[in-house]
Protein backbone atom coordinates (compact mmCIF):
# COMPACT_ATOMS: atom_id res chain seq x y z
CA UNK A 1 -30.10 5.40 14.36
CA UNK A 2 -30.82 2.16 12.51
CA UNK A 3 -29.49 -1.38 12.44
CA UNK A 4 -28.33 -3.32 9.36
CA UNK A 5 -31.98 -4.18 8.45
CA UNK A 6 -33.07 -0.49 8.53
CA UNK A 7 -35.04 -1.05 11.74
CA UNK A 8 -34.84 1.53 14.56
CA UNK A 9 -32.20 0.69 17.15
CA UNK A 10 -34.18 0.82 20.41
CA UNK A 11 -34.61 -1.29 23.54
CA UNK A 12 -38.42 -1.27 23.47
CA UNK A 13 -38.70 -2.51 19.84
CA UNK A 14 -40.76 0.59 19.04
CA UNK A 15 -39.90 3.65 16.98
CA UNK A 16 -38.26 5.37 19.97
CA UNK A 17 -37.41 4.93 23.66
CA UNK A 18 -38.43 7.30 26.44
CA UNK A 19 -36.46 7.99 29.61
CA UNK A 20 -35.76 10.61 32.24
CA UNK A 21 -32.14 10.89 33.33
CA UNK A 22 -30.41 12.20 36.47
CA UNK A 23 -26.71 13.02 36.07
CA UNK A 24 -23.99 13.74 38.64
CA UNK A 25 -20.54 14.72 37.33
CA UNK A 26 -17.43 15.66 39.32
CA UNK A 27 -14.22 16.95 37.71
CA UNK A 28 -10.89 17.51 39.44
CA UNK A 29 -8.04 19.24 37.63
CA UNK A 30 -4.66 18.71 39.24
CA UNK A 31 -1.17 19.91 38.59
CA UNK A 32 0.72 19.28 35.35
CA UNK A 33 -2.45 19.25 33.21
CA UNK A 34 -3.93 16.11 34.76
CA UNK A 35 -7.64 15.55 35.19
CA UNK A 36 -9.98 13.10 36.94
CA UNK A 37 -13.62 12.90 35.89
CA UNK A 38 -16.31 10.78 37.58
CA UNK A 39 -19.81 10.60 36.18
CA UNK A 40 -22.89 8.74 37.46
CA UNK A 41 -26.15 8.50 35.53
CA UNK A 42 -29.44 7.06 36.74
CA UNK A 43 -32.43 6.56 34.48
CA UNK A 44 -35.56 7.41 36.46
CA UNK A 45 -38.35 4.86 35.83
CA UNK A 46 -41.30 7.26 35.98
CA UNK A 47 -43.41 4.90 33.85
CA UNK A 48 -43.12 1.08 33.79
CA UNK A 49 -42.31 1.04 30.04
CA UNK A 50 -39.46 3.56 30.29
CA UNK A 51 -35.81 2.58 30.23
CA UNK A 52 -34.14 1.89 33.57
CA UNK A 53 -30.34 1.68 33.95
CA UNK A 54 -27.35 2.90 35.98
CA UNK A 55 -24.13 4.02 34.35
CA UNK A 56 -20.81 4.93 36.00
CA UNK A 57 -17.81 6.38 34.18
CA UNK A 58 -14.36 7.32 35.41
CA UNK A 59 -11.78 9.06 33.26
CA UNK A 60 -8.16 9.68 34.22
CA UNK A 61 -6.31 11.95 31.79
CA UNK A 62 -2.91 13.59 31.49
CA UNK A 63 -2.03 16.18 28.86
CA UNK A 64 1.46 17.02 27.63
CA UNK A 65 2.64 19.76 25.30
CA UNK A 66 5.68 19.51 23.06
CA UNK A 67 6.36 22.52 20.83
CA UNK A 68 3.06 23.11 18.99
CA UNK A 69 1.66 19.60 19.56
CA UNK A 70 -0.53 18.67 22.53
CA UNK A 71 -0.52 14.98 23.49
CA UNK A 72 -2.96 13.23 25.75
CA UNK A 73 -3.05 9.86 27.43
CA UNK A 74 -6.05 8.63 29.32
CA UNK A 75 -7.75 5.67 30.94
CA UNK A 76 -11.52 5.44 30.54
CA UNK A 77 -13.56 2.99 32.63
CA UNK A 78 -17.30 2.52 32.07
CA UNK A 79 -19.81 0.32 33.84
CA UNK A 80 -23.47 -0.12 32.81
CA UNK A 81 -26.04 -1.91 34.98
């Protein structure tokens, strides 16, 4: 991935970033084709130069079918620290 000046798009200003990631994801599927997804990610700072962040995502979705077309409506909330 590169920016508009053909430089690598990284946080460390180097050629690449290094990180270790822990992920916890919970999915609940309810009645009438509805779904709730919660995801939490934590970058593990094993080395002082590695990336460190927390990310939380919540997705609420509902699916509807009409004849041969499947519609979906959803709300997606993301938070990055």
